[in-house]
């Protein structure tokens, strides 16, 4: 993909995709390999299902088993202060993990909707071109 600035600082005057770019050989529109997309969506769904589970490596497992209790640290001043740091870190990590899973789910929902809309558009375009 090549972009050339017009020199005016206000954007690009020329924007084109290089014809030698892989995947640009279909001149009639977008070529989507439906089985591959369905397999990808299924794999993403499986990943999310595992992330939502309770086995090691999941957010729920880390929330439960990744905490450091004050008793683990000891009762001396430095240990109690260090426990506060560990507690804040644990909260930050679990919050970030939950956000990651939520964003993953949102991305999957958008991808699924785009695929569904593409299929609907393809069906709509085929209605007017069917030979009788």
Protein backbone atom coordinates (compact mmCIF):
# COMPACT_ATOMS: atom_id res chain seq x y z
CA UNK A 1 0.00 0.00 0.00
CA UNK A 2 1.43 3.34 -0.96
CA UNK A 3 0.41 6.70 0.41
CA UNK A 4 1.77 10.01 -0.75
CA UNK A 5 1.30 13.23 1.14
CA UNK A 6 0.04 16.17 -0.90
CA UNK A 7 2.51 18.40 0.91
CA UNK A 8 -0.26 20.55 2.34
CA UNK A 9 -0.22 18.81 5.67
CA UNK A 10 -3.96 18.15 5.47
CA UNK A 11 -4.04 14.50 4.52
CA UNK A 12 -3.25 12.25 1.61
CA UNK A 13 -4.04 13.07 -1.99
CA UNK A 14 -3.24 9.59 -3.30
CA UNK A 15 -4.21 6.36 -1.61
CA UNK A 16 -4.02 3.09 -3.52
CA UNK A 17 -3.29 -0.56 -2.94
CA UNK A 18 -0.32 -1.94 -4.83
CA UNK A 19 -1.58 -4.43 -7.45
CA UNK A 20 1.10 -6.96 -6.50
CA UNK A 21 -0.27 -7.18 -2.96
CA UNK A 22 -1.25 -10.82 -2.17
CA UNK A 23 -4.99 -11.32 -2.17
CA UNK A 24 -5.68 -8.52 -4.63
CA UNK A 25 -6.31 -10.83 -7.57
CA UNK A 26 -10.11 -11.00 -7.08
CA UNK A 27 -11.38 -8.06 -9.12
CA UNK A 28 -15.09 -8.80 -8.59
CA UNK A 29 -15.17 -8.04 -4.88
CA UNK A 30 -14.24 -9.65 -1.61
CA UNK A 31 -13.52 -13.36 -1.70
CA UNK A 32 -14.32 -14.91 1.68
CA UNK A 33 -13.60 -18.57 2.33
CA UNK A 34 -16.60 -19.28 4.57
CA UNK A 35 -15.42 -22.57 6.10
CA UNK A 36 -12.14 -20.93 7.19
CA UNK A 37 -13.98 -18.02 8.79
CA UNK A 38 -16.38 -20.39 10.56
CA UNK A 39 -13.44 -22.42 11.88
CA UNK A 40 -11.74 -19.26 13.10
CA UNK A 41 -14.89 -18.04 14.87
CA UNK A 42 -15.31 -21.46 16.50
CA UNK A 43 -11.67 -21.45 17.66
CA UNK A 44 -12.13 -17.98 19.18
CA UNK A 45 -15.31 -19.12 20.94
CA UNK A 46 -13.44 -22.12 22.35
CA UNK A 47 -10.68 -19.82 23.63
CA UNK A 48 -13.21 -17.59 25.37
CA UNK A 49 -14.92 -20.61 26.92
CA UNK A 50 -11.59 -21.73 28.36
CA UNK A 51 -10.76 -18.23 29.62
CA UNK A 52 -14.14 -18.10 31.38
CA UNK A 53 -13.51 -21.45 33.07
CA UNK A 54 -11.90 -22.19 36.41
CA UNK A 55 -8.82 -24.23 35.52
CA UNK A 56 -5.26 -22.93 35.94
CA UNK A 57 -4.54 -19.88 33.81
CA UNK A 58 -8.05 -18.47 33.94
CA UNK A 59 -9.05 -15.21 35.57
CA UNK A 60 -11.28 -16.97 38.08
CA UNK A 61 -8.50 -19.34 39.13
CA UNK A 62 -6.08 -16.44 39.54
CA UNK A 63 -8.62 -14.47 41.60
CA UNK A 64 -9.02 -17.37 43.98
CA UNK A 65 -5.55 -18.88 44.12
CA UNK A 66 -3.35 -15.93 43.20
CA UNK A 67 -3.84 -13.95 46.35
CA UNK A 68 -1.24 -13.56 49.05
CA UNK A 69 -2.80 -13.48 52.49
CA UNK A 70 -1.30 -11.39 55.30
CA UNK A 71 -0.55 -14.64 57.13
CA UNK A 72 1.73 -15.66 54.24
CA UNK A 73 3.82 -12.54 54.72
CA UNK A 74 4.35 -12.44 58.45
CA UNK A 75 3.52 -9.87 61.09
CA UNK A 76 6.54 -7.57 60.88
CA UNK A 77 6.07 -4.05 59.47
CA UNK A 78 7.83 -4.51 56.12
CA UNK A 79 5.90 -7.72 55.44
CA UNK A 80 2.57 -6.00 56.12
CA UNK A 81 3.48 -3.15 53.79
CA UNK A 82 4.59 -5.60 51.13
CA UNK A 83 1.27 -7.40 51.47
CA UNK A 84 -0.48 -4.15 50.49
CA UNK A 85 1.64 -3.99 47.32
CA UNK A 86 0.83 -7.60 46.48
CA UNK A 87 -2.86 -6.99 47.08
CA UNK A 88 -2.89 -3.95 44.77
CA UNK A 89 -1.00 -5.88 42.10
CA UNK A 90 -3.44 -8.78 42.35
CA UNK A 91 -6.41 -6.42 41.97
CA UNK A 92 -4.77 -4.72 38.98
CA UNK A 93 -3.98 -8.01 37.27
CA UNK A 94 -7.43 -9.51 37.79
CA UNK A 95 -9.11 -6.31 36.58
CA UNK A 96 -6.90 -6.24 33.49
CA UNK A 97 -7.56 -9.94 32.83
CA UNK A 98 -11.34 -9.37 33.05
CA UNK A 99 -11.05 -6.43 30.64
CA UNK A 100 -9.00 -8.55 28.23
CA UNK A 101 -11.64 -11.30 28.19
CA UNK A 102 -14.42 -8.73 27.74
CA UNK A 103 -12.59 -7.15 24.80
CA UNK A 104 -11.96 -10.59 23.31
CA UNK A 105 -15.69 -11.34 23.57
CA UNK A 106 -16.57 -7.97 22.01
CA UNK A 107 -14.14 -8.54 19.13
CA UNK A 108 -15.65 -11.98 18.52
CA UNK A 109 -19.17 -10.50 18.53
CA UNK A 110 -18.13 -7.89 15.95
CA UNK A 111 -16.41 -10.51 13.78
CA UNK A 112 -19.46 -12.78 13.96
CA UNK A 113 -21.80 -9.89 13.06
CA UNK A 114 -19.57 -8.87 10.13
CA UNK A 115 -19.53 -12.45 8.85
CA UNK A 116 -23.31 -12.72 9.19
CA UNK A 117 -23.82 -9.39 7.42
CA UNK A 118 -21.47 -10.43 4.63
CA UNK A 119 -23.44 -13.64 4.15
CA UNK A 120 -26.70 -11.67 4.03
CA UNK A 121 -25.23 -9.26 1.49
CA UNK A 122 -23.98 -12.12 -0.68
CA UNK A 123 -27.42 -13.76 -0.61
CA UNK A 124 -29.10 -10.46 -1.47
CA UNK A 125 -26.77 -9.89 -4.42
CA UNK A 126 -27.38 -13.44 -5.68
CA UNK A 127 -31.17 -12.93 -5.80
CA UNK A 128 -31.00 -10.49 -8.70
CA UNK A 129 -28.41 -12.45 -10.67
CA UNK A 130 -29.99 -15.91 -10.70
CA UNK A 131 -30.62 -17.23 -14.19
CA UNK A 132 -34.12 -18.41 -14.95
